[in-house]
PDB file of N, CA and C in Angstrom:
ATOM      1  N   MET A   1      92.200  76.842  84.130  1.00  0.00           N
ATOM      2  CA  MET A   1      93.555  76.326  84.126  1.00  0.00           C
ATOM      3  C   MET A   1      93.744  75.421  85.343  1.00  0.00           C
ATOM      4  N   GLU A   2      94.441  74.308  85.127  1.00  0.00           N
ATOM      5  CA  GLU A   2      94.750  73.382  86.207  1.00  0.00           C
ATOM      6  C   GLU A   2      96.263  73.290  86.379  1.00  0.00           C
ATOM      7  N   ILE A   3      96.713  73.284  87.629  1.00  0.00           N
ATOM      8  CA  ILE A   3      98.134  73.152  87.923  1.00  0.00           C
ATOM      9  C   ILE A   3      98.314  72.011  88.915  1.00  0.00           C
ATOM     10  N   SER A   4      99.228  71.111  88.585  1.00  0.00           N
ATOM     11  CA  SER A   4      99.572  70.044  89.530  1.00  0.00           C
ATOM     12  C   SER A   4     101.086  69.999  89.630  1.00  0.00           C
ATOM     13  N   SER A   5     101.575  69.645  90.809  1.00  0.00           N
ATOM     14  CA  SER A   5     103.031  69.566  90.969  1.00  0.00           C
ATOM     15  C   SER A   5     103.400  68.254  91.644  1.00  0.00           C
ATOM     16  N   THR A   6     104.550  67.742  91.243  1.00  0.00           N
ATOM     17  CA  THR A   6     105.086  66.503  91.782  1.00  0.00           C
ATOM     18  C   THR A   6     106.517  66.770  92.227  1.00  0.00           C
ATOM     19  N   GLN A   7     106.839  66.341  93.435  1.00  0.00           N
ATOM     20  CA  GLN A   7     108.186  66.550  93.947  1.00  0.00           C
ATOM     21  C   GLN A   7     109.000  65.276  93.750  1.00  0.00           C
ATOM     22  N   PHE A   8     110.146  65.421  93.093  1.00  0.00           N
ATOM     23  CA  PHE A   8     111.088  64.324  92.927  1.00  0.00           C
ATOM     24  C   PHE A   8     112.273  64.566  93.848  1.00  0.00           C
ATOM     25  N   LYS A   9     113.231  63.661  93.835  1.00  0.00           N
ATOM     26  CA  LYS A   9     114.389  63.778  94.718  1.00  0.00           C
ATOM     27  C   LYS A   9     115.205  65.035  94.426  1.00  0.00           C
ATOM     28  N   HIS A  10     115.436  65.327  93.136  1.00  0.00           N
ATOM     29  CA  HIS A  10     116.306  66.440  92.764  1.00  0.00           C
ATOM     30  C   HIS A  10     115.572  67.641  92.182  1.00  0.00           C
ATOM     31  N   CYS A  11     114.283  67.514  91.881  1.00  0.00           N
ATOM     32  CA  CYS A  11     113.572  68.620  91.232  1.00  0.00           C
ATOM     33  C   CYS A  11     112.070  68.496  91.460  1.00  0.00           C
ATOM     34  N   ASP A  12     111.353  69.518  91.009  1.00  0.00           N
ATOM     35  CA  ASP A  12     109.895  69.522  91.071  1.00  0.00           C
ATOM     36  C   ASP A  12     109.346  69.635  89.660  1.00  0.00           C
ATOM     37  N   LEU A  13     108.278  68.893  89.377  1.00  0.00           N
ATOM     38  CA  LEU A  13     107.615  68.935  88.077  1.00  0.00           C
ATOM     39  C   LEU A  13     106.272  69.625  88.243  1.00  0.00           C
ATOM     40  N   VAL A  14     106.052  70.680  87.454  1.00  0.00           N
ATOM     41  CA  VAL A  14     104.786  71.403  87.478  1.00  0.00           C
ATOM     42  C   VAL A  14     104.117  71.189  86.132  1.00  0.00           C
ATOM     43  N   LYS A  15     102.901  70.630  86.151  1.00  0.00           N
ATOM     44  CA  LYS A  15     102.155  70.399  84.922  1.00  0.00           C
ATOM     45  C   LYS A  15     101.013  71.404  84.857  1.00  0.00           C
ATOM     46  N   ILE A  16     100.950  72.104  83.732  1.00  0.00           N
ATOM     47  CA  ILE A  16      99.925  73.126  83.534  1.00  0.00           C
ATOM     48  C   ILE A  16      99.023  72.689  82.394  1.00  0.00           C
ATOM     49  N   VAL A  17      97.705  72.790  82.603  1.00  0.00           N
ATOM     50  CA  VAL A  17      96.733  72.443  81.575  1.00  0.00           C
ATOM     51  C   VAL A  17      95.779  73.623  81.408  1.00  0.00           C
ATOM     52  N   GLY A  18      95.590  74.070  80.162  1.00  0.00           N
ATOM     53  CA  GLY A  18      94.654  75.157  79.884  1.00  0.00           C
ATOM     54  C   GLY A  18      95.349  76.402  79.365  1.00  0.00           C
ATOM     55  N   ARG A  19      94.716  77.533  79.591  1.00  0.00           N
ATOM     56  CA  ARG A  19      95.222  78.822  79.125  1.00  0.00           C
ATOM     57  C   ARG A  19      95.910  79.563  80.265  1.00  0.00           C
ATOM     58  N   VAL A  20      97.058  80.154  79.948  1.00  0.00           N
ATOM     59  CA  VAL A  20      97.761  81.000  80.921  1.00  0.00           C
ATOM     60  C   VAL A  20      97.632  82.426  80.411  1.00  0.00           C
ATOM     61  N   ASP A  21      96.744  83.188  81.048  1.00  0.00           N
ATOM     62  CA  ASP A  21      96.531  84.575  80.643  1.00  0.00           C
ATOM     63  C   ASP A  21      96.539  85.458  81.883  1.00  0.00           C
ATOM     64  N   SER A  22      96.113  86.697  81.736  1.00  0.00           N
ATOM     65  CA  SER A  22      96.214  87.634  82.860  1.00  0.00           C
ATOM     66  C   SER A  22      95.366  87.207  84.064  1.00  0.00           C
ATOM     67  N   SER A  23      94.301  86.431  83.845  1.00  0.00           N
ATOM     68  CA  SER A  23      93.484  86.012  84.982  1.00  0.00           C
ATOM     69  C   SER A  23      94.015  84.742  85.649  1.00  0.00           C
ATOM     70  N   THR A  24      94.780  83.917  84.916  1.00  0.00           N
ATOM     71  CA  THR A  24      95.279  82.667  85.493  1.00  0.00           C
ATOM     72  C   THR A  24      96.774  82.710  85.823  1.00  0.00           C
ATOM     73  N   ALA A  25      97.494  83.700  85.319  1.00  0.00           N
ATOM     74  CA  ALA A  25      98.929  83.808  85.603  1.00  0.00           C
ATOM     75  C   ALA A  25      99.226  83.913  87.109  1.00  0.00           C
ATOM     76  N   PRO A  26      98.399  84.619  87.902  1.00  0.00           N
ATOM     77  CA  PRO A  26      98.673  84.642  89.344  1.00  0.00           C
ATOM     78  C   PRO A  26      98.640  83.249  89.993  1.00  0.00           C
ATOM     79  N   GLN A  27      97.777  82.361  89.499  1.00  0.00           N
ATOM     80  CA  GLN A  27      97.745  80.987  90.005  1.00  0.00           C
ATOM     81  C   GLN A  27      99.069  80.290  89.724  1.00  0.00           C
ATOM     82  N   MET A  28      99.576  80.481  88.512  1.00  0.00           N
ATOM     83  CA  MET A  28     100.851  79.874  88.139  1.00  0.00           C
ATOM     84  C   MET A  28     101.973  80.429  89.013  1.00  0.00           C
ATOM     85  N   ALA A  29     101.967  81.740  89.227  1.00  0.00           N
ATOM     86  CA  ALA A  29     102.984  82.379  90.068  1.00  0.00           C
ATOM     87  C   ALA A  29     102.911  81.842  91.496  1.00  0.00           C
ATOM     88  N   GLU A  30     101.699  81.659  91.992  1.00  0.00           N
ATOM     89  CA  GLU A  30     101.496  81.151  93.350  1.00  0.00           C
ATOM     90  C   GLU A  30     102.071  79.738  93.497  1.00  0.00           C
ATOM     91  N   ALA A  31     101.818  78.883  92.500  1.00  0.00           N
ATOM     92  CA  ALA A  31     102.319  77.502  92.534  1.00  0.00           C
ATOM     93  C   ALA A  31     103.850  77.476  92.492  1.00  0.00           C
ATOM     94  N   LEU A  32     104.443  78.286  91.617  1.00  0.00           N
ATOM     95  CA  LEU A  32     105.907  78.329  91.515  1.00  0.00           C
ATOM     96  C   LEU A  32     106.531  78.934  92.773  1.00  0.00           C
ATOM     97  N   ASN A  33     105.906  79.983  93.300  1.00  0.00           N
ATOM     98  CA  ASN A  33     106.430  80.616  94.515  1.00  0.00           C
ATOM     99  C   ASN A  33     106.367  79.678  95.713  1.00  0.00           C
ATOM    100  N   ALA A  34     105.334  78.842  95.792  1.00  0.00           N
ATOM    101  CA  ALA A  34     105.223  77.883  96.893  1.00  0.00           C
ATOM    102  C   ALA A  34     106.400  76.911  96.867  1.00  0.00           C
ATOM    103  N   ILE A  35     106.792  76.478  95.675  1.00  0.00           N
ATOM    104  CA  ILE A  35     107.929  75.567  95.539  1.00  0.00           C
ATOM    105  C   ILE A  35     109.221  76.282  95.938  1.00  0.00           C
ATOM    106  N   MET A  36     109.390  77.503  95.440  1.00  0.00           N
ATOM    107  CA  MET A  36     110.621  78.246  95.741  1.00  0.00           C
ATOM    108  C   MET A  36     110.689  78.644  97.217  1.00  0.00           C
ATOM    109  N   ASP A  37     109.545  78.962  97.813  1.00  0.00           N
ATOM    110  CA  ASP A  37     109.526  79.318  99.237  1.00  0.00           C
ATOM    111  C   ASP A  37     109.910  78.134 100.118  1.00  0.00           C
ATOM    112  N   ALA A  38     109.710  76.924  99.595  1.00  0.00           N
ATOM    113  CA  ALA A  38     110.087  75.714 100.332  1.00  0.00           C
ATOM    114  C   ALA A  38     111.577  75.390 100.155  1.00  0.00           C
ATOM    115  N   GLY A  39     112.297  76.250  99.414  1.00  0.00           N
ATOM    116  CA  GLY A  39     113.732  76.069  99.254  1.00  0.00           C
ATOM    117  C   GLY A  39     114.117  75.141  98.121  1.00  0.00           C
ATOM    118  N   ARG A  40     113.196  74.902  97.185  1.00  0.00           N
ATOM    119  CA  ARG A  40     113.489  74.036  96.036  1.00  0.00           C
ATOM    120  C   ARG A  40     113.511  74.917  94.790  1.00  0.00           C
ATOM    121  N   TYR A  41     114.646  74.905  94.093  1.00  0.00           N
ATOM    122  CA  TYR A  41     114.843  75.839  92.985  1.00  0.00           C
ATOM    123  C   TYR A  41     115.105  75.160  91.650  1.00  0.00           C
ATOM    124  N   LYS A  42     114.947  73.851  91.566  1.00  0.00           N
ATOM    125  CA  LYS A  42     115.099  73.136  90.302  1.00  0.00           C
ATOM    126  C   LYS A  42     113.702  72.711  89.874  1.00  0.00           C
ATOM    127  N   ILE A  43     113.152  73.443  88.906  1.00  0.00           N
ATOM    128  CA  ILE A  43     111.752  73.280  88.531  1.00  0.00           C
ATOM    129  C   ILE A  43     111.633  72.958  87.049  1.00  0.00           C
ATOM    130  N   ILE A  44     110.810  71.962  86.749  1.00  0.00           N
ATOM    131  CA  ILE A  44     110.480  71.613  85.368  1.00  0.00           C
ATOM    132  C   ILE A  44     109.012  71.972  85.163  1.00  0.00           C
ATOM    133  N   ILE A  45     108.728  72.685  84.093  1.00  0.00           N
ATOM    134  CA  ILE A  45     107.341  73.006  83.774  1.00  0.00           C
ATOM    135  C   ILE A  45     106.950  72.243  82.516  1.00  0.00           C
ATOM    136  N   ASP A  46     105.925  71.388  82.649  1.00  0.00           N
ATOM    137  CA  ASP A  46     105.404  70.586  81.541  1.00  0.00           C
ATOM    138  C   ASP A  46     104.305  71.391  80.852  1.00  0.00           C
ATOM    139  N   PHE A  47     104.589  71.801  79.613  1.00  0.00           N
ATOM    140  CA  PHE A  47     103.659  72.638  78.858  1.00  0.00           C
ATOM    141  C   PHE A  47     102.769  71.840  77.908  1.00  0.00           C
ATOM    142  N   SER A  48     102.767  70.502  77.998  1.00  0.00           N
ATOM    143  CA  SER A  48     102.044  69.687  77.015  1.00  0.00           C
ATOM    144  C   SER A  48     100.550  70.012  76.964  1.00  0.00           C
ATOM    145  N   GLY A  49      99.958  70.488  78.060  1.00  0.00           N
ATOM    146  CA  GLY A  49      98.529  70.781  78.073  1.00  0.00           C
ATOM    147  C   GLY A  49      98.188  72.251  77.930  1.00  0.00           C
ATOM    148  N   VAL A  50      99.171  73.097  77.667  1.00  0.00           N
ATOM    149  CA  VAL A  50      98.922  74.542  77.566  1.00  0.00           C
ATOM    150  C   VAL A  50      98.481  74.894  76.148  1.00  0.00           C
ATOM    151  N   GLU A  51      97.362  75.620  76.058  1.00  0.00           N
ATOM    152  CA  GLU A  51      96.817  76.021  74.753  1.00  0.00           C
ATOM    153  C   GLU A  51      97.267  77.423  74.354  1.00  0.00           C
ATOM    154  N   PHE A  52      97.499  78.280  75.359  1.00  0.00           N
ATOM    155  CA  PHE A  52      97.790  79.694  75.096  1.00  0.00           C
ATOM    156  C   PHE A  52      98.567  80.252  76.281  1.00  0.00           C
ATOM    157  N   ILE A  53      99.513  81.139  76.008  1.00  0.00           N
ATOM    158  CA  ILE A  53     100.204  81.853  77.082  1.00  0.00           C
ATOM    159  C   ILE A  53     100.313  83.324  76.694  1.00  0.00           C
ATOM    160  N   SER A  54      99.941  84.189  77.622  1.00  0.00           N
ATOM    161  CA  SER A  54      99.984  85.633  77.352  1.00  0.00           C
ATOM    162  C   SER A  54     101.267  86.214  77.934  1.00  0.00           C
ATOM    163  N   SER A  55     101.425  87.505  77.774  1.00  0.00           N
ATOM    164  CA  SER A  55     102.613  88.179  78.306  1.00  0.00           C
ATOM    165  C   SER A  55     102.663  88.071  79.828  1.00  0.00           C
ATOM    166  N   ALA A  56     101.498  87.996  80.483  1.00  0.00           N
ATOM    167  CA  ALA A  56     101.473  87.844  81.938  1.00  0.00           C
ATOM    168  C   ALA A  56     102.080  86.498  82.340  1.00  0.00           C
ATOM    169  N   GLY A  57     101.783  85.463  81.587  1.00  0.00           N
ATOM    170  CA  GLY A  57     102.362  84.148  81.846  1.00  0.00           C
ATOM    171  C   GLY A  57     103.853  84.132  81.587  1.00  0.00           C
ATOM    172  N   LEU A  58     104.276  84.806  80.521  1.00  0.00           N
ATOM    173  CA  LEU A  58     105.706  84.892  80.209  1.00  0.00           C
ATOM    174  C   LEU A  58     106.462  85.624  81.317  1.00  0.00           C
ATOM    175  N   ARG A  59     105.835  86.651  81.871  1.00  0.00           N
ATOM    176  CA  ARG A  59     106.447  87.419  82.954  1.00  0.00           C
ATOM    177  C   ARG A  59     106.646  86.535  84.197  1.00  0.00           C
ATOM    178  N   VAL A  60     105.662  85.677  84.495  1.00  0.00           N
ATOM    179  CA  VAL A  60     105.781  84.758  85.628  1.00  0.00           C
ATOM    180  C   VAL A  60     106.958  83.804  85.414  1.00  0.00           C
ATOM    181  N   LEU A  61     107.115  83.308  84.167  1.00  0.00           N
ATOM    182  CA  LEU A  61     108.230  82.405  83.859  1.00  0.00           C
ATOM    183  C   LEU A  61     109.575  83.083  84.081  1.00  0.00           C
ATOM    184  N   VAL A  62     109.709  84.309  83.589  1.00  0.00           N
ATOM    185  CA  VAL A  62     110.976  85.034  83.722  1.00  0.00           C
ATOM    186  C   VAL A  62     111.282  85.345  85.183  1.00  0.00           C
ATOM    187  N   ASN A  63     110.267  85.748  85.948  1.00  0.00           N
ATOM    188  CA  ASN A  63     110.494  86.033  87.371  1.00  0.00           C
ATOM    189  C   ASN A  63     110.918  84.783  88.128  1.00  0.00           C
ATOM    190  N   ALA A  64     110.288  83.647  87.815  1.00  0.00           N
ATOM    191  CA  ALA A  64     110.665  82.388  88.466  1.00  0.00           C
ATOM    192  C   ALA A  64     112.095  82.005  88.092  1.00  0.00           C
ATOM    193  N   GLN A  65     112.452  82.207  86.823  1.00  0.00           N
ATOM    194  CA  GLN A  65     113.812  81.877  86.382  1.00  0.00           C
ATOM    195  C   GLN A  65     114.841  82.744  87.116  1.00  0.00           C
ATOM    196  N   LYS A  66     114.545  84.041  87.254  1.00  0.00           N
ATOM    197  CA  LYS A  66     115.468  84.939  87.939  1.00  0.00           C
ATOM    198  C   LYS A  66     115.652  84.521  89.398  1.00  0.00           C
ATOM    199  N   THR A  67     114.566  84.150  90.055  1.00  0.00           N
ATOM    200  CA  THR A  67     114.646  83.734  91.451  1.00  0.00           C
ATOM    201  C   THR A  67     115.432  82.438  91.596  1.00  0.00           C
ATOM    202  N   CYS A  68     115.173  81.479  90.717  1.00  0.00           N
ATOM    203  CA  CYS A  68     115.864  80.182  90.803  1.00  0.00           C
ATOM    204  C   CYS A  68     117.348  80.301  90.492  1.00  0.00           C
ATOM    205  N   ARG A  69     117.705  81.133  89.553  1.00  0.00           N
ATOM    206  CA  ARG A  69     119.116  81.263  89.168  1.00  0.00           C
ATOM    207  C   ARG A  69     119.917  82.144  90.128  1.00  0.00           C
ATOM    208  N   ARG A  70     119.237  82.923  90.958  1.00  0.00           N
ATOM    209  CA  ARG A  70     119.941  83.789  91.892  1.00  0.00           C
ATOM    210  C   ARG A  70     120.832  82.940  92.792  1.00  0.00           C
ATOM    211  N   TYR A  71     122.037  83.358  92.976  1.00  0.00           N
ATOM    212  CA  TYR A  71     123.052  82.659  93.787  1.00  0.00           C
ATOM    213  C   TYR A  71     123.335  81.256  93.253  1.00  0.00           C
ATOM    214  N   ASN A  72     123.024  81.018  91.980  1.00  0.00           N
ATOM    215  CA  ASN A  72     123.334  79.750  91.314  1.00  0.00           C
ATOM    216  C   ASN A  72     122.674  78.548  92.007  1.00  0.00           C
ATOM    217  N   ARG A  73     121.418  78.722  92.450  1.00  0.00           N
ATOM    218  CA  ARG A  73     120.731  77.679  93.206  1.00  0.00           C
ATOM    219  C   ARG A  73     120.063  76.638  92.318  1.00  0.00           C
ATOM    220  N   GLY A  74     119.635  77.030  91.133  1.00  0.00           N
ATOM    221  CA  GLY A  74     118.916  76.109  90.262  1.00  0.00           C
ATOM    222  C   GLY A  74     118.422  76.847  89.036  1.00  0.00           C
ATOM    223  N   GLU A  75     117.385  76.299  88.400  1.00  0.00           N
ATOM    224  CA  GLU A  75     116.797  76.975  87.257  1.00  0.00           C
ATOM    225  C   GLU A  75     115.449  76.374  86.917  1.00  0.00           C
ATOM    226  N   VAL A  76     114.728  77.072  86.051  1.00  0.00           N
ATOM    227  CA  VAL A  76     113.456  76.592  85.527  1.00  0.00           C
ATOM    228  C   VAL A  76     113.727  76.054  84.129  1.00  0.00           C
ATOM    229  N   VAL A  77     113.299  74.828  83.866  1.00  0.00           N
ATOM    230  CA  VAL A  77     113.413  74.264  82.524  1.00  0.00           C
ATOM    231  C   VAL A  77     112.013  73.943  82.015  1.00  0.00           C
ATOM    232  N   LEU A  78     111.853  73.983  80.709  1.00  0.00           N
ATOM    233  CA  LEU A  78     110.552  73.770  80.083  1.00  0.00           C
ATOM    234  C   LEU A  78     110.551  72.469  79.303  1.00  0.00           C
ATOM    235  N   ALA A  79     109.430  71.761  79.310  1.00  0.00           N
ATOM    236  CA  ALA A  79     109.334  70.479  78.618  1.00  0.00           C
ATOM    237  C   ALA A  79     108.021  70.383  77.838  1.00  0.00           C
ATOM    238  N   LYS A  80     108.087  69.647  76.746  1.00  0.00           N
ATOM    239  CA  LYS A  80     106.920  69.328  75.907  1.00  0.00           C
ATOM    240  C   LYS A  80     106.129  70.583  75.502  1.00  0.00           C
ATOM    241  N   ILE A  81     106.812  71.533  74.907  1.00  0.00           N
ATOM    242  CA  ILE A  81     106.173  72.794  74.521  1.00  0.00           C
ATOM    243  C   ILE A  81     105.486  72.625  73.173  1.00  0.00           C
ATOM    244  N   PRO A  82     104.172  72.923  73.091  1.00  0.00           N
ATOM    245  CA  PRO A  82     103.496  72.891  71.788  1.00  0.00           C
ATOM    246  C   PRO A  82     104.087  73.939  70.839  1.00  0.00           C
ATOM    247  N   GLN A  83     103.925  73.726  69.558  1.00  0.00           N
ATOM    248  CA  GLN A  83     104.540  74.594  68.555  1.00  0.00           C
ATOM    249  C   GLN A  83     104.106  76.057  68.689  1.00  0.00           C
ATOM    250  N   ASN A  84     102.800  76.294  68.957  1.00  0.00           N
ATOM    251  CA  ASN A  84     102.330  77.680  69.055  1.00  0.00           C
ATOM    252  C   ASN A  84     102.908  78.397  70.286  1.00  0.00           C
ATOM    253  N   ILE A  85     103.098  77.665  71.385  1.00  0.00           N
ATOM    254  CA  ILE A  85     103.694  78.265  72.588  1.00  0.00           C
ATOM    255  C   ILE A  85     105.184  78.522  72.346  1.00  0.00           C
ATOM    256  N   TYR A  86     105.853  77.579  71.674  1.00  0.00           N
ATOM    257  CA  TYR A  86     107.269  77.766  71.348  1.00  0.00           C
ATOM    258  C   TYR A  86     107.445  79.003  70.467  1.00  0.00           C
ATOM    259  N   ALA A  87     106.525  79.203  69.511  1.00  0.00           N
ATOM    260  CA  ALA A  87     106.604  80.373  68.632  1.00  0.00           C
ATOM    261  C   ALA A  87     106.484  81.666  69.443  1.00  0.00           C
ATOM    262  N   ALA A  88     105.610  81.675  70.449  1.00  0.00           N
ATOM    263  CA  ALA A  88     105.454  82.866  71.298  1.00  0.00           C
ATOM    264  C   ALA A  88     106.720  83.106  72.119  1.00  0.00           C
ATOM    265  N   LEU A  89     107.303  82.042  72.658  1.00  0.00           N
ATOM    266  CA  LEU A  89     108.548  82.179  73.419  1.00  0.00           C
ATOM    267  C   LEU A  89     109.681  82.679  72.528  1.00  0.00           C
ATOM    268  N   ASP A  90     109.738  82.148  71.308  1.00  0.00           N
ATOM    269  CA  ASP A  90     110.780  82.539  70.366  1.00  0.00           C
ATOM    270  C   ASP A  90     110.621  83.995  69.953  1.00  0.00           C
ATOM    271  N   LEU A  91     109.388  84.399  69.699  1.00  0.00           N
ATOM    272  CA  LEU A  91     109.104  85.779  69.300  1.00  0.00           C
ATOM    273  C   LEU A  91     109.506  86.760  70.404  1.00  0.00           C
ATOM    274  N   ALA A  92     109.280  86.367  71.657  1.00  0.00           N
ATOM    275  CA  ALA A  92     109.641  87.224  72.787  1.00  0.00           C
ATOM    276  C   ALA A  92     111.140  87.158  73.105  1.00  0.00           C
ATOM    277  N   GLY A  93     111.865  86.233  72.456  1.00  0.00           N
ATOM    278  CA  GLY A  93     113.294  86.098  72.703  1.00  0.00           C
ATOM    279  C   GLY A  93     113.605  85.298  73.955  1.00  0.00           C
ATOM    280  N   PHE A  94     112.658  84.484  74.424  1.00  0.00           N
ATOM    281  CA  PHE A  94     112.833  83.749  75.674  1.00  0.00           C
ATOM    282  C   PHE A  94     113.420  82.357  75.488  1.00  0.00           C
ATOM    283  N   THR A  95     113.588  81.889  74.252  1.00  0.00           N
ATOM    284  CA  THR A  95     114.109  80.537  74.050  1.00  0.00           C
ATOM    285  C   THR A  95     115.560  80.421  74.513  1.00  0.00           C
ATOM    286  N   THR A  96     116.261  81.535  74.580  1.00  0.00           N
ATOM    287  CA  THR A  96     117.651  81.492  75.056  1.00  0.00           C
ATOM    288  C   THR A  96     117.739  81.551  76.581  1.00  0.00           C
ATOM    289  N   LEU A  97     116.648  81.928  77.247  1.00  0.00           N
ATOM    290  CA  LEU A  97     116.654  82.044  78.704  1.00  0.00           C
ATOM    291  C   LEU A  97     116.386  80.719  79.407  1.00  0.00           C
ATOM    292  N   PHE A  98     115.817  79.758  78.680  1.00  0.00           N
ATOM    293  CA  PHE A  98     115.388  78.504  79.292  1.00  0.00           C
ATOM    294  C   PHE A  98     115.980  77.307  78.555  1.00  0.00           C
ATOM    295  N   GLN A  99     116.294  76.256  79.303  1.00  0.00           N
ATOM    296  CA  GLN A  99     116.593  74.962  78.699  1.00  0.00           C
ATOM    297  C   GLN A  99     115.246  74.385  78.285  1.00  0.00           C
ATOM    298  N   ILE A 100     115.162  73.859  77.064  1.00  0.00           N
ATOM    299  CA  ILE A 100     113.902  73.322  76.556  1.00  0.00           C
ATOM    300  C   ILE A 100     114.119  71.867  76.160  1.00  0.00           C
ATOM    301  N   PHE A 101     113.231  71.000  76.655  1.00  0.00           N
ATOM    302  CA  PHE A 101     113.329  69.568  76.385  1.00  0.00           C
ATOM    303  C   PHE A 101     112.059  69.065  75.706  1.00  0.00           C
ATOM    304  N   ASP A 102     112.226  68.048  74.849  1.00  0.00           N
ATOM    305  CA  ASP A 102     111.086  67.462  74.156  1.00  0.00           C
ATOM    306  C   ASP A 102     110.289  66.520  75.054  1.00  0.00           C
ATOM    307  N   GLU A 103     110.951  65.927  76.030  1.00  0.00           N
ATOM    308  CA  GLU A 103     110.298  64.965  76.924  1.00  0.00           C
ATOM    309  C   GLU A 103     110.554  65.333  78.381  1.00  0.00           C
ATOM    310  N   VAL A 104     109.583  65.048  79.238  1.00  0.00           N
ATOM    311  CA  VAL A 104     109.694  65.344  80.661  1.00  0.00           C
ATOM    312  C   VAL A 104     110.800  64.504  81.306  1.00  0.00           C
ATOM    313  N   ILE A 105     110.920  63.245  80.894  1.00  0.00           N
ATOM    314  CA  ILE A 105     111.929  62.364  81.491  1.00  0.00           C
ATOM    315  C   ILE A 105     113.335  62.891  81.226  1.00  0.00           C
ATOM    316  N   THR A 106     113.565  63.424  80.037  1.00  0.00           N
ATOM    317  CA  THR A 106     114.871  64.013  79.713  1.00  0.00           C
ATOM    318  C   THR A 106     115.132  65.228  80.601  1.00  0.00           C
ATOM    319  N   ALA A 107     114.091  66.027  80.847  1.00  0.00           N
ATOM    320  CA  ALA A 107     114.230  67.218  81.698  1.00  0.00           C
ATOM    321  C   ALA A 107     114.549  66.815  83.138  1.00  0.00           C
ATOM    322  N   VAL A 108     113.889  65.766  83.634  1.00  0.00           N
ATOM    323  CA  VAL A 108     114.165  65.286  84.994  1.00  0.00           C
ATOM    324  C   VAL A 108     115.605  64.800  85.070  1.00  0.00           C
ATOM    325  N   GLY A 109     116.076  64.109  84.045  1.00  0.00           N
ATOM    326  CA  GLY A 109     117.446  63.623  84.003  1.00  0.00           C
ATOM    327  C   GLY A 109     118.474  64.741  83.933  1.00  0.00           C
ATOM    328  N   TYR A 110     118.057  65.907  83.473  1.00  0.00           N
ATOM    329  CA  TYR A 110     118.949  67.060  83.376  1.00  0.00           C
ATOM    330  C   TYR A 110     119.465  67.481  84.758  1.00  0.00           C
ATOM    331  N   PHE A 111     118.634  67.332  85.774  1.00  0.00           N
ATOM    332  CA  PHE A 111     119.023  67.708  87.130  1.00  0.00           C
ATOM    333  C   PHE A 111     119.706  66.548  87.814  1.00  0.00           C
TER     334      PHE A 111
END
């Protein structure tokens, strides 16, 4: 799994490529925590390159969302989600927890 992040004026974009499972979820958590530890709580996650996400990856997403929304500081939004990943999020009931955008530019404009 590869993770890259880009800092914009109002938000951060995190692009994930590969599989997010129990062995790679800690990497994702580390990348998101580094952004939040720097005091930036408006995060966009680009899922266009993600092939699979396990419950460990879903748990990292929910924890990041809880941290960002605490004290109304910001939130995590998702962009370019493949159909199979969207189905997993929907099955887990997570589609209501996140703003979901079809394009990254629209997500950046959201903030």
